[in-house]
Amino acid sequence: MITNTIAKGKKIAVLSIDGGGVRGIIPGTILAFLESQLQDLDGPKARIADYFDIVSGTSTGGLIATMLTAPDKDRRPIFAAKDINKFYFKHCPEIFPQDSCKNFPRSVTSPLRKWVRPMYDGKYMRTLTNRILGEITIKDTLTNLIIPTFDVKRLQPVIFSTNDGKIHALKNARLADMCIGTSAAPTYLPAHCFVTKDPITGDTCCFDLIDGGVAANDPTLVAISRILLEVLKHNAEFDDIKPIDSRQMLVLSLGTGAAKEPTNYYTARKTSEWGMLRWAFYRGRMPMLDVFLDASSDMVDFHVSAFFQSSYLILQNLITSPRRICKILKK
């Protein structure tokens, strides 16, 4: 099995998981089967984190990535891949409660609420995440974890990573805070604010975060850029990697699917006379958010396809063949 340091002469294995809310059950299903195949090869204790040198995730993908890499007291993953979907099925109804007769006040005020406040208060999400992850910080993860977020105060992306957490105390955030921040989708869940502190100097840094999907709904390019950055910084873990040699990387990018909708849901004819209100909300959808998230993911696909050229299509197709992934990870 691959350890959490880059093995000399081996490919760098990267796992990237997109955002997508409850649709996280799609990569959850794929990862559960992949891990079961790896266990057939290496025994029941094998875990996804043992085989990937970098795991990146945005929004719900960030939550899954954290579940796979956060350590328990024995320095093994808190969750096995097979537990991800169990987690979603158990807790999503509480994270995203639906209106019903049992909650009459909410069902009456809900149509108005979404115009003035987030659709969900996020209290259950915050309580659950803090209970499971506690005070574990990103520098403690079992393999290199990368979580994109967006800081609304600075109006710029903030990328948390295990390597940064080890070097810079102010970037060594709690996993719970990062998960809440990267999943705080605008209009759905409230933004999340927290402060990190350097125990030596006493310096502090405040983060005001929303869903990382507004910057990198598909975090594949973020992960690859981190590898290249570490190479340029002469990180000893990446000594054998050439800066632009895609042949030394294995990238498994997992999406969260897409709803079956007509491709002409939005047209120039429909949108040509829209103002701010229509772009913000139209027939139960949020066009501007749809545009940002889809454009972000498509641009990543464009750049990564160019970087990997023909091999990227093969890597994408590996999603449907976990047994083949196992063989490559074992090389």
C-alpha atoms as a PDB file:
ATOM      1  CA  MET A   1       0.000   0.000   0.000  1.00  0.00           C
ATOM      2  CA  ILE A   2       1.048   3.597  -0.586  1.00  0.00           C
ATOM      3  CA  THR A   3       1.975   5.479   2.567  1.00  0.00           C
ATOM      4  CA  ASN A   4       1.214   9.156   3.147  1.00  0.00           C
ATOM      5  CA  THR A   5       4.655  10.145   1.823  1.00  0.00           C
ATOM      6  CA  ILE A   6       5.361  10.014  -1.853  1.00  0.00           C
ATOM      7  CA  ALA A   7       7.065   6.742  -2.742  1.00  0.00           C
ATOM      8  CA  LYS A   8      10.194   7.193  -4.844  1.00  0.00           C
ATOM      9  CA  GLY A   9       9.640   6.259  -8.456  1.00  0.00           C
ATOM     10  CA  LYS A  10       5.874   5.849  -8.053  1.00  0.00           C
ATOM     11  CA  LYS A  11       3.109   7.910  -9.549  1.00  0.00           C
ATOM     12  CA  ILE A  12       1.498  10.551  -7.370  1.00  0.00           C
ATOM     13  CA  ALA A  13      -2.070   9.366  -6.795  1.00  0.00           C
ATOM     14  CA  VAL A  14      -4.642  12.150  -6.521  1.00  0.00           C
ATOM     15  CA  LEU A  15      -8.290  11.775  -5.518  1.00  0.00           C
ATOM     16  CA  SER A  16     -10.541  14.750  -6.286  1.00  0.00           C
ATOM     17  CA  ILE A  17     -14.218  14.960  -5.251  1.00  0.00           C
ATOM     18  CA  ASP A  18     -16.608  17.608  -6.576  1.00  0.00           C
ATOM     19  CA  GLY A  19     -19.228  19.557  -4.687  1.00  0.00           C
ATOM     20  CA  GLY A  20     -22.895  18.690  -5.101  1.00  0.00           C
ATOM     21  CA  GLY A  21     -24.764  18.586  -1.797  1.00  0.00           C
ATOM     22  CA  VAL A  22     -26.727  15.410  -1.109  1.00  0.00           C
ATOM     23  CA  ARG A  23     -25.455  14.004  -4.413  1.00  0.00           C
ATOM     24  CA  GLY A  24     -22.303  13.161  -2.470  1.00  0.00           C
ATOM     25  CA  ILE A  25     -23.820   9.673  -2.300  1.00  0.00           C
ATOM     26  CA  ILE A  26     -22.620   9.171  -5.896  1.00  0.00           C
ATOM     27  CA  PRO A  27     -18.869   9.418  -5.159  1.00  0.00           C
ATOM     28  CA  GLY A  28     -19.651   7.735  -1.835  1.00  0.00           C
ATOM     29  CA  THR A  29     -20.943   4.687  -3.702  1.00  0.00           C
ATOM     30  CA  ILE A  30     -17.923   4.594  -6.032  1.00  0.00           C
ATOM     31  CA  LEU A  31     -15.433   4.950  -3.185  1.00  0.00           C
ATOM     32  CA  ALA A  32     -17.111   2.216  -1.131  1.00  0.00           C
ATOM     33  CA  PHE A  33     -16.762  -0.254  -3.993  1.00  0.00           C
ATOM     34  CA  LEU A  34     -13.201   0.850  -4.748  1.00  0.00           C
ATOM     35  CA  GLU A  35     -12.187   0.367  -1.116  1.00  0.00           C
ATOM     36  CA  SER A  36     -13.779  -3.090  -1.036  1.00  0.00           C
ATOM     37  CA  GLN A  37     -11.691  -4.079  -4.066  1.00  0.00           C
ATOM     38  CA  LEU A  38      -8.529  -2.772  -2.403  1.00  0.00           C
ATOM     39  CA  GLN A  39      -9.413  -4.794   0.696  1.00  0.00           C
ATOM     40  CA  ASP A  40      -9.649  -7.915  -1.461  1.00  0.00           C
ATOM     41  CA  LEU A  41      -6.039  -7.255  -2.434  1.00  0.00           C
ATOM     42  CA  ASP A  42      -4.543  -6.022   0.849  1.00  0.00           C
ATOM     43  CA  GLY A  43      -6.853  -7.126   3.631  1.00  0.00           C
ATOM     44  CA  PRO A  44      -9.828  -5.685   5.532  1.00  0.00           C
ATOM     45  CA  LYS A  45      -7.848  -2.849   7.132  1.00  0.00           C
ATOM     46  CA  ALA A  46      -7.052  -1.189   3.793  1.00  0.00           C
ATOM     47  CA  ARG A  47      -8.484   2.320   3.444  1.00  0.00           C
ATOM     48  CA  ILE A  48      -8.664   4.885   0.640  1.00  0.00           C
ATOM     49  CA  ALA A  49      -6.204   7.172   2.450  1.00  0.00           C
ATOM     50  CA  ASP A  50      -3.534   4.464   2.205  1.00  0.00           C
ATOM     51  CA  TYR A  51      -3.458   4.684  -1.591  1.00  0.00           C
ATOM     52  CA  PHE A  52      -3.816   8.374  -2.414  1.00  0.00           C
ATOM     53  CA  ASP A  53      -1.041  10.873  -1.783  1.00  0.00           C
ATOM     54  CA  ILE A  54      -3.408  13.824  -2.144  1.00  0.00           C
ATOM     55  CA  VAL A  55      -7.152  13.926  -1.466  1.00  0.00           C
ATOM     56  CA  SER A  56      -8.990  17.110  -2.411  1.00  0.00           C
ATOM     57  CA  GLY A  57     -12.648  17.989  -2.073  1.00  0.00           C
ATOM     58  CA  THR A  58     -15.013  20.936  -2.313  1.00  0.00           C
ATOM     59  CA  SER A  59     -18.254  21.403  -0.392  1.00  0.00           C
ATOM     60  CA  THR A  60     -19.808  17.942   0.038  1.00  0.00           C
ATOM     61  CA  GLY A  61     -16.642  16.578  -1.600  1.00  0.00           C
ATOM     62  CA  GLY A  62     -14.625  18.323   1.112  1.00  0.00           C
ATOM     63  CA  LEU A  63     -16.710  16.598   3.757  1.00  0.00           C
ATOM     64  CA  ILE A  64     -16.095  13.199   2.142  1.00  0.00           C
ATOM     65  CA  ALA A  65     -12.378  13.900   1.705  1.00  0.00           C
ATOM     66  CA  THR A  66     -12.146  14.809   5.377  1.00  0.00           C
ATOM     67  CA  MET A  67     -14.043  11.696   6.448  1.00  0.00           C
ATOM     68  CA  LEU A  68     -11.540   9.565   4.529  1.00  0.00           C
ATOM     69  CA  THR A  69      -8.410  11.251   5.909  1.00  0.00           C
ATOM     70  CA  ALA A  70      -9.234  12.363   9.474  1.00  0.00           C
ATOM     71  CA  PRO A  71      -7.424  10.139  12.021  1.00  0.00           C
ATOM     72  CA  ASP A  72      -8.836   8.354  15.049  1.00  0.00           C
ATOM     73  CA  LYS A  73      -6.802   7.711  18.201  1.00  0.00           C
ATOM     74  CA  ASP A  74      -5.023   4.818  16.471  1.00  0.00           C
ATOM     75  CA  ARG A  75      -4.064   6.954  13.442  1.00  0.00           C
ATOM     76  CA  ARG A  76      -6.520   5.231  11.154  1.00  0.00           C
ATOM     77  CA  PRO A  77      -9.376   6.904   9.238  1.00  0.00           C
ATOM     78  CA  ILE A  78     -12.406   7.784  11.354  1.00  0.00           C
ATOM     79  CA  PHE A  79     -14.665   6.563   8.534  1.00  0.00           C
ATOM     80  CA  ALA A  80     -14.357   3.657   6.136  1.00  0.00           C
ATOM     81  CA  ALA A  81     -15.605   4.437   2.630  1.00  0.00           C
ATOM     82  CA  LYS A  82     -18.588   2.127   3.148  1.00  0.00           C
ATOM     83  CA  ASP A  83     -19.740   4.400   5.998  1.00  0.00           C
ATOM     84  CA  ILE A  84     -20.039   7.540   3.866  1.00  0.00           C
ATOM     85  CA  ASN A  85     -23.465   6.812   2.407  1.00  0.00           C
ATOM     86  CA  LYS A  86     -24.726   5.585   5.775  1.00  0.00           C
ATOM     87  CA  PHE A  87     -23.696   8.975   7.140  1.00  0.00           C
ATOM     88  CA  TYR A  88     -25.541  10.827   4.362  1.00  0.00           C
ATOM     89  CA  PHE A  89     -28.735   8.790   4.663  1.00  0.00           C
ATOM     90  CA  LYS A  90     -28.794   9.238   8.437  1.00  0.00           C
ATOM     91  CA  HIS A  91     -27.941  12.925   8.728  1.00  0.00           C
ATOM     92  CA  CYS A  92     -28.998  14.695   5.524  1.00  0.00           C
ATOM     93  CA  PRO A  93     -32.701  14.796   6.515  1.00  0.00           C
ATOM     94  CA  GLU A  94     -31.638  16.775   9.601  1.00  0.00           C
ATOM     95  CA  ILE A  95     -29.107  18.983   7.788  1.00  0.00           C
ATOM     96  CA  PHE A  96     -31.646  19.802   5.061  1.00  0.00           C
ATOM     97  CA  PRO A  97     -35.031  19.444   6.815  1.00  0.00           C
ATOM     98  CA  GLN A  98     -38.023  19.421   4.492  1.00  0.00           C
ATOM     99  CA  ASP A  99     -41.192  21.370   5.200  1.00  0.00           C
ATOM    100  CA  SER A 100     -44.108  19.302   6.465  1.00  0.00           C
ATOM    101  CA  CYS A 101     -47.273  19.542   8.483  1.00  0.00           C
ATOM    102  CA  LYS A 102     -45.233  18.541  11.527  1.00  0.00           C
ATOM    103  CA  ASN A 103     -43.344  21.801  11.151  1.00  0.00           C
ATOM    104  CA  PHE A 104     -46.268  24.073  10.333  1.00  0.00           C
ATOM    105  CA  PRO A 105     -44.640  27.435  11.205  1.00  0.00           C
ATOM    106  CA  ARG A 106     -41.685  26.681   8.951  1.00  0.00           C
ATOM    107  CA  SER A 107     -43.862  25.416   6.101  1.00  0.00           C
ATOM    108  CA  VAL A 108     -45.823  28.677   6.161  1.00  0.00           C
ATOM    109  CA  THR A 109     -42.815  31.006   6.327  1.00  0.00           C
ATOM    110  CA  SER A 110     -40.482  29.002   4.049  1.00  0.00           C
ATOM    111  CA  PRO A 111     -41.447  30.772   0.764  1.00  0.00           C
ATOM    112  CA  LEU A 112     -40.530  34.094   2.369  1.00  0.00           C
ATOM    113  CA  ARG A 113     -37.560  32.850   4.375  1.00  0.00           C
ATOM    114  CA  LYS A 114     -35.385  32.024   1.372  1.00  0.00           C
ATOM    115  CA  TRP A 115     -35.555  35.634   0.236  1.00  0.00           C
ATOM    116  CA  VAL A 116     -34.193  37.050   3.490  1.00  0.00           C
ATOM    117  CA  ARG A 117     -32.210  34.234   5.151  1.00  0.00           C
ATOM    118  CA  PRO A 118     -30.459  30.960   4.202  1.00  0.00           C
ATOM    119  CA  MET A 119     -32.891  28.118   3.534  1.00  0.00           C
ATOM    120  CA  TYR A 120     -31.321  26.066   6.381  1.00  0.00           C
ATOM    121  CA  ASP A 121     -29.901  27.355   9.657  1.00  0.00           C
ATOM    122  CA  GLY A 122     -26.905  24.998   9.652  1.00  0.00           C
ATOM    123  CA  LYS A 123     -27.106  24.304  13.394  1.00  0.00           C
ATOM    124  CA  TYR A 124     -27.321  20.539  13.019  1.00  0.00           C
ATOM    125  CA  MET A 125     -24.401  20.557  10.556  1.00  0.00           C
ATOM    126  CA  ARG A 126     -22.213  22.577  12.919  1.00  0.00           C
ATOM    127  CA  THR A 127     -23.057  20.465  15.968  1.00  0.00           C
ATOM    128  CA  LEU A 128     -22.538  17.167  14.127  1.00  0.00           C
ATOM    129  CA  THR A 129     -19.239  18.191  12.527  1.00  0.00           C
ATOM    130  CA  ASN A 130     -17.799  19.507  15.779  1.00  0.00           C
ATOM    131  CA  ARG A 131     -18.856  16.355  17.635  1.00  0.00           C
ATOM    132  CA  ILE A 132     -17.211  14.002  15.123  1.00  0.00           C
ATOM    133  CA  LEU A 133     -14.029  15.944  14.323  1.00  0.00           C
ATOM    134  CA  GLY A 134     -13.496  17.832  17.579  1.00  0.00           C
ATOM    135  CA  GLU A 135     -10.132  19.602  17.725  1.00  0.00           C
ATOM    136  CA  ILE A 136      -8.409  17.655  14.927  1.00  0.00           C
ATOM    137  CA  THR A 137      -6.571  20.068  12.634  1.00  0.00           C
ATOM    138  CA  ILE A 138      -5.563  19.713   9.009  1.00  0.00           C
ATOM    139  CA  LYS A 139      -1.877  19.071   9.786  1.00  0.00           C
ATOM    140  CA  ASP A 140      -2.930  15.796  11.467  1.00  0.00           C
ATOM    141  CA  THR A 141      -4.607  14.166   8.445  1.00  0.00           C
ATOM    142  CA  LEU A 142      -3.434  10.733   7.340  1.00  0.00           C
ATOM    143  CA  THR A 143      -2.537  11.912   3.839  1.00  0.00           C
ATOM    144  CA  ASN A 144      -2.292  15.305   2.173  1.00  0.00           C
ATOM    145  CA  LEU A 145      -5.748  16.917   2.311  1.00  0.00           C
ATOM    146  CA  ILE A 146      -6.722  19.965   0.235  1.00  0.00           C
ATOM    147  CA  ILE A 147      -9.947  21.893   0.865  1.00  0.00           C
ATOM    148  CA  PRO A 148     -10.911  24.959  -1.245  1.00  0.00           C
ATOM    149  CA  THR A 149     -13.091  27.642   0.383  1.00  0.00           C
ATOM    150  CA  PHE A 150     -13.949  31.266  -0.394  1.00  0.00           C
ATOM    151  CA  ASP A 151     -13.460  34.166   2.018  1.00  0.00           C
ATOM    152  CA  VAL A 152     -16.244  36.740   1.560  1.00  0.00           C
ATOM    153  CA  LYS A 153     -14.415  39.372   3.599  1.00  0.00           C
ATOM    154  CA  ARG A 154     -11.248  39.166   1.496  1.00  0.00           C
ATOM    155  CA  LEU A 155     -13.212  38.334  -1.677  1.00  0.00           C
ATOM    156  CA  GLN A 156     -10.709  35.652  -2.594  1.00  0.00           C
ATOM    157  CA  PRO A 157     -10.341  31.856  -2.452  1.00  0.00           C
ATOM    158  CA  VAL A 158      -8.649  30.321   0.569  1.00  0.00           C
ATOM    159  CA  ILE A 159      -7.083  26.893   0.027  1.00  0.00           C
ATOM    160  CA  PHE A 160      -6.390  24.833   3.136  1.00  0.00           C
ATOM    161  CA  SER A 161      -3.852  22.027   2.841  1.00  0.00           C
ATOM    162  CA  THR A 162      -2.033  19.618   5.132  1.00  0.00           C
ATOM    163  CA  ASN A 163       1.377  20.906   4.028  1.00  0.00           C
ATOM    164  CA  ASP A 164       0.422  24.518   4.743  1.00  0.00           C
ATOM    165  CA  GLY A 165      -0.983  23.499   8.116  1.00  0.00           C
ATOM    166  CA  LYS A 166       2.322  21.903   9.076  1.00  0.00           C
ATOM    167  CA  ILE A 167       4.307  25.005   8.115  1.00  0.00           C
ATOM    168  CA  HIS A 168       1.988  27.896   8.988  1.00  0.00           C
ATOM    169  CA  ALA A 169       0.152  27.773  12.313  1.00  0.00           C
ATOM    170  CA  LEU A 170      -2.437  30.300  11.116  1.00  0.00           C
ATOM    171  CA  LYS A 171      -3.439  27.956   8.251  1.00  0.00           C
ATOM    172  CA  ASN A 172      -3.680  24.948  10.585  1.00  0.00           C
ATOM    173  CA  ALA A 173      -7.448  25.184  10.929  1.00  0.00           C
ATOM    174  CA  ARG A 174      -9.703  22.649  12.591  1.00  0.00           C
ATOM    175  CA  LEU A 175     -11.183  20.141  10.162  1.00  0.00           C
ATOM    176  CA  ALA A 176     -14.635  20.884  11.571  1.00  0.00           C
ATOM    177  CA  ASP A 177     -14.337  24.590  10.711  1.00  0.00           C
ATOM    178  CA  MET A 178     -13.120  23.843   7.189  1.00  0.00           C
ATOM    179  CA  CYS A 179     -15.955  21.386   6.518  1.00  0.00           C
ATOM    180  CA  ILE A 180     -18.578  23.862   7.699  1.00  0.00           C
ATOM    181  CA  GLY A 181     -16.969  26.648   5.675  1.00  0.00           C
ATOM    182  CA  THR A 182     -16.500  24.815   2.376  1.00  0.00           C
ATOM    183  CA  SER A 183     -20.093  23.517   2.468  1.00  0.00           C
ATOM    184  CA  ALA A 184     -21.744  26.882   3.274  1.00  0.00           C
ATOM    185  CA  ALA A 185     -23.441  27.268  -0.098  1.00  0.00           C
ATOM    186  CA  PRO A 186     -24.877  30.782  -0.559  1.00  0.00           C
ATOM    187  CA  THR A 187     -28.658  30.906   0.026  1.00  0.00           C
ATOM    188  CA  TYR A 188     -28.621  27.359   1.442  1.00  0.00           C
ATOM    189  CA  LEU A 189     -26.409  27.482   4.547  1.00  0.00           C
ATOM    190  CA  PRO A 190     -24.975  30.406   6.524  1.00  0.00           C
ATOM    191  CA  ALA A 191     -21.390  31.568   6.083  1.00  0.00           C
ATOM    192  CA  HIS A 192     -18.953  30.394   8.735  1.00  0.00           C
ATOM    193  CA  CYS A 193     -16.480  32.545  10.678  1.00  0.00           C
ATOM    194  CA  PHE A 194     -13.638  31.218  12.822  1.00  0.00           C
ATOM    195  CA  VAL A 195     -10.227  32.300  14.105  1.00  0.00           C
ATOM    196  CA  THR A 196      -6.917  30.449  14.107  1.00  0.00           C
ATOM    197  CA  LYS A 197      -4.099  31.266  16.504  1.00  0.00           C
ATOM    198  CA  ASP A 198      -0.349  30.774  16.481  1.00  0.00           C
ATOM    199  CA  PRO A 199       0.436  29.248  19.908  1.00  0.00           C
ATOM    200  CA  ILE A 200       4.000  30.624  19.829  1.00  0.00           C
ATOM    201  CA  THR A 201       3.568  34.213  18.641  1.00  0.00           C
ATOM    202  CA  GLY A 202      -0.036  34.707  19.713  1.00  0.00           C
ATOM    203  CA  ASP A 203      -0.944  36.025  16.234  1.00  0.00           C
ATOM    204  CA  THR A 204      -4.479  35.329  15.009  1.00  0.00           C
ATOM    205  CA  CYS A 205      -6.188  35.085  11.623  1.00  0.00           C
ATOM    206  CA  CYS A 206      -9.929  35.374  11.007  1.00  0.00           C
ATOM    207  CA  PHE A 207     -11.669  33.523   8.178  1.00  0.00           C
ATOM    208  CA  ASP A 208     -15.153  34.381   6.832  1.00  0.00           C
ATOM    209  CA  LEU A 209     -15.958  31.436   4.599  1.00  0.00           C
ATOM    210  CA  ILE A 210     -18.587  30.284   2.147  1.00  0.00           C
ATOM    211  CA  ASP A 211     -18.800  27.275  -0.168  1.00  0.00           C
ATOM    212  CA  GLY A 212     -15.538  26.596  -1.993  1.00  0.00           C
ATOM    213  CA  GLY A 213     -17.615  25.723  -5.053  1.00  0.00           C
ATOM    214  CA  VAL A 214     -17.852  29.379  -6.065  1.00  0.00           C
ATOM    215  CA  ALA A 215     -14.119  29.197  -6.804  1.00  0.00           C
ATOM    216  CA  ALA A 216     -13.399  25.496  -7.423  1.00  0.00           C
ATOM    217  CA  ASN A 217     -16.443  23.228  -7.536  1.00  0.00           C
ATOM    218  CA  ASP A 218     -14.140  20.666  -9.167  1.00  0.00           C
ATOM    219  CA  PRO A 219     -10.936  20.782  -7.074  1.00  0.00           C
ATOM    220  CA  THR A 220      -8.828  18.686  -9.466  1.00  0.00           C
ATOM    221  CA  LEU A 221      -6.860  21.667 -10.781  1.00  0.00           C
ATOM    222  CA  VAL A 222      -6.280  22.902  -7.229  1.00  0.00           C
ATOM    223  CA  ALA A 223      -4.713  19.541  -6.327  1.00  0.00           C
ATOM    224  CA  ILE A 224      -2.501  19.455  -9.423  1.00  0.00           C
ATOM    225  CA  SER A 225      -1.409  23.061  -8.858  1.00  0.00           C
ATOM    226  CA  ARG A 226      -0.448  22.141  -5.297  1.00  0.00           C
ATOM    227  CA  ILE A 227       1.795  19.338  -6.592  1.00  0.00           C
ATOM    228  CA  LEU A 228       3.529  21.689  -9.013  1.00  0.00           C
ATOM    229  CA  LEU A 229       3.937  24.300  -6.283  1.00  0.00           C
ATOM    230  CA  GLU A 230       5.573  21.794  -3.938  1.00  0.00           C
ATOM    231  CA  VAL A 231       7.921  20.722  -6.737  1.00  0.00           C
ATOM    232  CA  LEU A 232       8.965  24.328  -7.305  1.00  0.00           C
ATOM    233  CA  LYS A 233       9.470  24.768  -3.550  1.00  0.00           C
ATOM    234  CA  HIS A 234      11.782  21.711  -3.620  1.00  0.00           C
ATOM    235  CA  ASN A 235       9.646  19.775  -1.162  1.00  0.00           C
ATOM    236  CA  ALA A 236      11.571  16.554  -0.486  1.00  0.00           C
ATOM    237  CA  GLU A 237       8.386  14.480  -0.921  1.00  0.00           C
ATOM    238  CA  PHE A 238       8.239  15.498  -4.586  1.00  0.00           C
ATOM    239  CA  ASP A 239      11.934  15.259  -5.518  1.00  0.00           C
ATOM    240  CA  ASP A 240      11.336  12.722  -8.288  1.00  0.00           C
ATOM    241  CA  ILE A 241       8.546  14.703  -9.955  1.00  0.00           C
ATOM    242  CA  LYS A 242       9.191  16.817 -13.024  1.00  0.00           C
ATOM    243  CA  PRO A 243       7.201  20.085 -12.950  1.00  0.00           C
ATOM    244  CA  ILE A 244       5.066  19.441 -16.034  1.00  0.00           C
ATOM    245  CA  ASP A 245       5.198  15.672 -16.469  1.00  0.00           C
ATOM    246  CA  SER A 246       1.610  14.436 -16.278  1.00  0.00           C
ATOM    247  CA  ARG A 247       2.795  10.851 -16.752  1.00  0.00           C
ATOM    248  CA  GLN A 248       3.909  10.871 -13.110  1.00  0.00           C
ATOM    249  CA  MET A 249       0.401  11.544 -11.833  1.00  0.00           C
ATOM    250  CA  LEU A 250      -2.677   9.381 -11.474  1.00  0.00           C
ATOM    251  CA  VAL A 251      -5.766  11.557 -11.035  1.00  0.00           C
ATOM    252  CA  LEU A 252      -9.141  10.083 -10.114  1.00  0.00           C
ATOM    253  CA  SER A 253     -11.776  12.821 -10.338  1.00  0.00           C
ATOM    254  CA  LEU A 254     -15.223  11.960  -9.005  1.00  0.00           C
ATOM    255  CA  GLY A 255     -18.221  14.109  -9.869  1.00  0.00           C
ATOM    256  CA  THR A 256     -21.620  14.169  -8.208  1.00  0.00           C
ATOM    257  CA  GLY A 257     -23.740  13.700 -11.307  1.00  0.00           C
ATOM    258  CA  ALA A 258     -26.190  16.108 -12.906  1.00  0.00           C
ATOM    259  CA  ALA A 259     -29.949  16.317 -13.006  1.00  0.00           C
ATOM    260  CA  LYS A 260     -31.612  15.224 -16.251  1.00  0.00           C
ATOM    261  CA  GLU A 261     -32.787  18.561 -17.616  1.00  0.00           C
ATOM    262  CA  PRO A 262     -33.162  20.013 -21.096  1.00  0.00           C
ATOM    263  CA  THR A 263     -30.001  21.750 -22.261  1.00  0.00           C
ATOM    264  CA  ASN A 264     -32.046  24.821 -23.180  1.00  0.00           C
ATOM    265  CA  TYR A 265     -33.315  25.466 -19.635  1.00  0.00           C
ATOM    266  CA  TYR A 266     -31.730  28.909 -19.908  1.00  0.00           C
ATOM    267  CA  THR A 267     -31.634  30.613 -23.287  1.00  0.00           C
ATOM    268  CA  ALA A 268     -30.546  34.010 -24.568  1.00  0.00           C
ATOM    269  CA  ARG A 269     -34.172  34.713 -25.379  1.00  0.00           C
ATOM    270  CA  LYS A 270     -35.217  34.023 -21.791  1.00  0.00           C
ATOM    271  CA  THR A 271     -32.342  35.792 -20.087  1.00  0.00           C
ATOM    272  CA  SER A 272     -31.911  38.812 -22.365  1.00  0.00           C
ATOM    273  CA  GLU A 273     -34.307  40.922 -20.323  1.00  0.00           C
ATOM    274  CA  TRP A 274     -33.483  39.569 -16.884  1.00  0.00           C
ATOM    275  CA  GLY A 275     -32.432  41.909 -14.131  1.00  0.00           C
ATOM    276  CA  MET A 276     -30.846  41.134 -10.767  1.00  0.00           C
ATOM    277  CA  LEU A 277     -33.961  39.448  -9.374  1.00  0.00           C
ATOM    278  CA  ARG A 278     -34.359  36.929 -12.194  1.00  0.00           C
ATOM    279  CA  TRP A 279     -30.662  36.079 -12.257  1.00  0.00           C
ATOM    280  CA  ALA A 280     -30.880  35.439  -8.521  1.00  0.00           C
ATOM    281  CA  PHE A 281     -34.049  33.319  -8.623  1.00  0.00           C
ATOM    282  CA  TYR A 282     -36.066  31.780 -11.454  1.00  0.00           C
ATOM    283  CA  ARG A 283     -38.667  29.026 -11.116  1.00  0.00           C
ATOM    284  CA  GLY A 284     -37.123  27.559  -8.005  1.00  0.00           C
ATOM    285  CA  ARG A 285     -33.558  27.752  -9.320  1.00  0.00           C
ATOM    286  CA  MET A 286     -30.688  30.205  -8.887  1.00  0.00           C
ATOM    287  CA  PRO A 287     -29.369  30.887 -12.405  1.00  0.00           C
ATOM    288  CA  MET A 288     -26.316  32.887 -11.348  1.00  0.00           C
ATOM    289  CA  LEU A 289     -25.178  30.151  -8.960  1.00  0.00           C
ATOM    290  CA  ASP A 290     -25.786  27.502 -11.639  1.00  0.00           C
ATOM    291  CA  VAL A 291     -23.656  29.494 -14.090  1.00  0.00           C
ATOM    292  CA  PHE A 292     -20.778  29.963 -11.632  1.00  0.00           C
ATOM    293  CA  LEU A 293     -20.644  26.329 -10.533  1.00  0.00           C
ATOM    294  CA  ASP A 294     -20.952  24.826 -14.019  1.00  0.00           C
ATOM    295  CA  ALA A 295     -18.454  27.262 -15.526  1.00  0.00           C
ATOM    296  CA  SER A 296     -15.959  26.553 -12.752  1.00  0.00           C
ATOM    297  CA  SER A 297     -16.162  22.788 -13.274  1.00  0.00           C
ATOM    298  CA  ASP A 298     -16.031  23.013 -17.078  1.00  0.00           C
ATOM    299  CA  MET A 299     -12.951  25.265 -17.042  1.00  0.00           C
ATOM    300  CA  VAL A 300     -11.184  22.768 -14.777  1.00  0.00           C
ATOM    301  CA  ASP A 301     -12.049  19.985 -17.208  1.00  0.00           C
ATOM    302  CA  PHE A 302     -10.701  22.091 -20.074  1.00  0.00           C
ATOM    303  CA  HIS A 303      -7.372  22.814 -18.389  1.00  0.00           C
ATOM    304  CA  VAL A 304      -6.833  19.319 -16.974  1.00  0.00           C
ATOM    305  CA  SER A 305      -7.720  17.712 -20.319  1.00  0.00           C
ATOM    306  CA  ALA A 306      -5.044  19.858 -21.965  1.00  0.00           C
ATOM    307  CA  PHE A 307      -2.541  18.946 -19.249  1.00  0.00           C
ATOM    308  CA  PHE A 308      -3.153  15.205 -19.463  1.00  0.00           C
ATOM    309  CA  GLN A 309      -3.995  15.210 -23.176  1.00  0.00           C
ATOM    310  CA  SER A 310      -5.224  11.729 -24.179  1.00  0.00           C
ATOM    311  CA  SER A 311      -4.575  10.125 -20.780  1.00  0.00           C
ATOM    312  CA  TYR A 312      -7.140  12.270 -18.998  1.00  0.00           C
ATOM    313  CA  LEU A 313     -10.020  10.592 -20.813  1.00  0.00           C
ATOM    314  CA  ILE A 314      -8.699   7.198 -19.705  1.00  0.00           C
ATOM    315  CA  LEU A 315      -8.481   8.421 -16.120  1.00  0.00           C
ATOM    316  CA  GLN A 316     -12.033   9.670 -16.290  1.00  0.00           C
ATOM    317  CA  ASN A 317     -13.200   6.318 -17.624  1.00  0.00           C
ATOM    318  CA  LEU A 318     -11.538   4.577 -14.698  1.00  0.00           C
ATOM    319  CA  ILE A 319     -14.465   5.716 -12.574  1.00  0.00           C
ATOM    320  CA  THR A 320     -16.523   2.918 -14.120  1.00  0.00           C
ATOM    321  CA  SER A 321     -13.784   0.339 -13.529  1.00  0.00           C
ATOM    322  CA  PRO A 322     -12.665   0.290  -9.850  1.00  0.00           C
ATOM    323  CA  ARG A 323     -10.812  -2.999 -10.391  1.00  0.00           C
ATOM    324  CA  ARG A 324      -8.598  -1.279 -12.954  1.00  0.00           C
ATOM    325  CA  ILE A 325      -7.953   1.564 -10.515  1.00  0.00           C
ATOM    326  CA  CYS A 326      -6.823  -0.989  -7.946  1.00  0.00           C
ATOM    327  CA  LYS A 327      -4.271  -2.455 -10.351  1.00  0.00           C
ATOM    328  CA  ILE A 328      -2.815   0.959 -11.175  1.00  0.00           C
ATOM    329  CA  LEU A 329      -2.639   2.022  -7.523  1.00  0.00           C
ATOM    330  CA  LYS A 330      -0.745  -1.178  -6.725  1.00  0.00           C
ATOM    331  CA  LYS A 331       1.959  -0.528  -9.347  1.00  0.00           C
END
